[in-house]
Amino acid sequence: MDLIVPLQDAVTAFADWIEPTSAELDAIEAELPLILADADLLDAQIITLDRTPSELDERRLRRARRRVLAERAALANRTATVSLPGGAA
């Protein structure tokens, strides 16, 4: 029987660098409204895959597309106003 203890790090694959950094978590949090809007659009598209879209489905798709575009614009505006480190513009 072989012991796994010498290979524990390789088996568990845990290291400090695997966890997301605070900056990465902040970036995810900033993009979360866009991620949720994309998920809603995908849900609306999936609903219409196996049938002809009804008037309600078309409204749902248009609303979801508008929300995605609005969130993309808002995210672009937020990232454009963030100042870069070192005084670069």
C-alpha atoms as a PDB file:
ATOM      1  CA  MET A   1       0.000   0.000   0.000  1.00  0.00           C
ATOM      2  CA  ASP A   2       1.410   3.395  -1.019  1.00  0.00           C
ATOM      3  CA  LEU A   3       1.003   6.384   1.233  1.00  0.00           C
ATOM      4  CA  ILE A   4      -0.544   9.509  -0.249  1.00  0.00           C
ATOM      5  CA  VAL A   5       0.968  11.898   2.313  1.00  0.00           C
ATOM      6  CA  PRO A   6       4.007  12.869   0.192  1.00  0.00           C
ATOM      7  CA  LEU A   7       1.664  13.752  -2.671  1.00  0.00           C
ATOM      8  CA  GLN A   8      -0.926  15.570  -0.582  1.00  0.00           C
ATOM      9  CA  ASP A   9      -0.259  18.991  -2.144  1.00  0.00           C
ATOM     10  CA  ALA A  10      -0.680  17.592  -5.643  1.00  0.00           C
ATOM     11  CA  VAL A  11      -3.831  15.677  -4.714  1.00  0.00           C
ATOM     12  CA  THR A  12      -5.630  18.453  -2.850  1.00  0.00           C
ATOM     13  CA  ALA A  13      -4.417  21.149  -5.275  1.00  0.00           C
ATOM     14  CA  PHE A  14      -4.748  23.909  -2.714  1.00  0.00           C
ATOM     15  CA  ALA A  15      -2.503  26.911  -2.746  1.00  0.00           C
ATOM     16  CA  ASP A  16      -2.903  30.553  -1.793  1.00  0.00           C
ATOM     17  CA  TRP A  17      -2.623  31.643  -5.420  1.00  0.00           C
ATOM     18  CA  ILE A  18      -5.691  29.583  -6.406  1.00  0.00           C
ATOM     19  CA  GLU A  19      -8.063  31.832  -4.467  1.00  0.00           C
ATOM     20  CA  PRO A  20      -9.242  35.010  -6.230  1.00  0.00           C
ATOM     21  CA  THR A  21      -7.629  38.231  -5.118  1.00  0.00           C
ATOM     22  CA  SER A  22      -9.563  41.160  -3.725  1.00  0.00           C
ATOM     23  CA  ALA A  23      -9.143  43.002  -7.022  1.00  0.00           C
ATOM     24  CA  GLU A  24     -10.589  40.049  -8.944  1.00  0.00           C
ATOM     25  CA  LEU A  25     -13.539  39.814  -6.567  1.00  0.00           C
ATOM     26  CA  ASP A  26     -14.145  43.564  -6.932  1.00  0.00           C
ATOM     27  CA  ALA A  27     -14.083  43.209 -10.737  1.00  0.00           C
ATOM     28  CA  ILE A  28     -16.618  40.373 -10.577  1.00  0.00           C
ATOM     29  CA  GLU A  29     -18.830  42.430  -8.282  1.00  0.00           C
ATOM     30  CA  ALA A  30     -18.646  45.389 -10.668  1.00  0.00           C
ATOM     31  CA  GLU A  31     -19.647  43.168 -13.600  1.00  0.00           C
ATOM     32  CA  LEU A  32     -22.383  41.295 -11.726  1.00  0.00           C
ATOM     33  CA  PRO A  33     -25.315  43.388 -13.069  1.00  0.00           C
ATOM     34  CA  LEU A  34     -24.146  42.666 -16.630  1.00  0.00           C
ATOM     35  CA  ILE A  35     -23.711  38.972 -15.855  1.00  0.00           C
ATOM     36  CA  LEU A  36     -27.254  38.788 -14.474  1.00  0.00           C
ATOM     37  CA  ALA A  37     -28.642  40.675 -17.486  1.00  0.00           C
ATOM     38  CA  ASP A  38     -26.858  38.250 -19.832  1.00  0.00           C
ATOM     39  CA  ALA A  39     -28.345  35.324 -17.910  1.00  0.00           C
ATOM     40  CA  ASP A  40     -31.854  36.804 -18.253  1.00  0.00           C
ATOM     41  CA  LEU A  41     -31.335  37.244 -21.999  1.00  0.00           C
ATOM     42  CA  LEU A  42     -30.134  33.675 -22.296  1.00  0.00           C
ATOM     43  CA  ASP A  43     -33.200  32.462 -20.387  1.00  0.00           C
ATOM     44  CA  ALA A  44     -35.478  34.392 -22.727  1.00  0.00           C
ATOM     45  CA  GLN A  45     -33.709  32.926 -25.763  1.00  0.00           C
ATOM     46  CA  ILE A  46     -33.890  29.385 -24.406  1.00  0.00           C
ATOM     47  CA  ILE A  47     -37.642  29.707 -23.868  1.00  0.00           C
ATOM     48  CA  THR A  48     -38.157  30.436 -27.568  1.00  0.00           C
ATOM     49  CA  LEU A  49     -35.949  27.637 -28.930  1.00  0.00           C
ATOM     50  CA  ASP A  50     -38.628  25.007 -29.417  1.00  0.00           C
ATOM     51  CA  ARG A  51     -41.574  27.153 -30.465  1.00  0.00           C
ATOM     52  CA  THR A  52     -42.531  30.204 -32.433  1.00  0.00           C
ATOM     53  CA  PRO A  53     -42.132  33.236 -30.163  1.00  0.00           C
ATOM     54  CA  SER A  54     -45.395  34.748 -28.992  1.00  0.00           C
ATOM     55  CA  GLU A  55     -45.942  38.468 -28.496  1.00  0.00           C
ATOM     56  CA  LEU A  56     -45.017  38.053 -24.844  1.00  0.00           C
ATOM     57  CA  ASP A  57     -41.822  36.184 -25.768  1.00  0.00           C
ATOM     58  CA  GLU A  58     -40.832  38.919 -28.205  1.00  0.00           C
ATOM     59  CA  ARG A  59     -41.383  41.583 -25.532  1.00  0.00           C
ATOM     60  CA  ARG A  60     -39.343  39.558 -23.052  1.00  0.00           C
ATOM     61  CA  LEU A  61     -36.487  39.254 -25.582  1.00  0.00           C
ATOM     62  CA  ARG A  62     -36.537  42.967 -26.407  1.00  0.00           C
ATOM     63  CA  ARG A  63     -36.575  43.911 -22.724  1.00  0.00           C
ATOM     64  CA  ALA A  64     -33.692  41.534 -21.979  1.00  0.00           C
ATOM     65  CA  ARG A  65     -31.637  42.877 -24.918  1.00  0.00           C
ATOM     66  CA  ARG A  66     -32.234  46.469 -23.794  1.00  0.00           C
ATOM     67  CA  ARG A  67     -31.197  45.582 -20.263  1.00  0.00           C
ATOM     68  CA  VAL A  68     -27.964  43.971 -21.491  1.00  0.00           C
ATOM     69  CA  LEU A  69     -27.147  47.021 -23.605  1.00  0.00           C
ATOM     70  CA  ALA A  70     -27.902  49.363 -20.708  1.00  0.00           C
ATOM     71  CA  GLU A  71     -25.703  47.358 -18.335  1.00  0.00           C
ATOM     72  CA  ARG A  72     -22.870  47.253 -20.874  1.00  0.00           C
ATOM     73  CA  ALA A  73     -23.070  51.009 -21.291  1.00  0.00           C
ATOM     74  CA  ALA A  74     -23.165  51.534 -17.527  1.00  0.00           C
ATOM     75  CA  LEU A  75     -20.158  49.255 -17.034  1.00  0.00           C
ATOM     76  CA  ALA A  76     -18.231  51.028 -19.791  1.00  0.00           C
ATOM     77  CA  ASN A  77     -19.023  54.394 -18.229  1.00  0.00           C
ATOM     78  CA  ARG A  78     -17.950  53.198 -14.771  1.00  0.00           C
ATOM     79  CA  THR A  79     -14.653  51.812 -16.044  1.00  0.00           C
ATOM     80  CA  ALA A  80     -13.977  54.921 -18.149  1.00  0.00           C
ATOM     81  CA  THR A  81     -14.236  57.183 -15.112  1.00  0.00           C
ATOM     82  CA  VAL A  82     -11.877  55.112 -12.973  1.00  0.00           C
ATOM     83  CA  SER A  83      -8.474  56.780 -12.826  1.00  0.00           C
ATOM     84  CA  LEU A  84      -5.472  54.686 -13.673  1.00  0.00           C
ATOM     85  CA  PRO A  85      -2.664  54.291 -11.129  1.00  0.00           C
ATOM     86  CA  GLY A  86       0.415  56.385 -11.668  1.00  0.00           C
ATOM     87  CA  GLY A  87      -1.453  59.414 -12.967  1.00  0.00           C
ATOM     88  CA  ALA A  88      -1.943  58.009 -16.469  1.00  0.00           C
ATOM     89  CA  ALA A  89      -5.114  59.032 -18.206  1.00  0.00           C
END
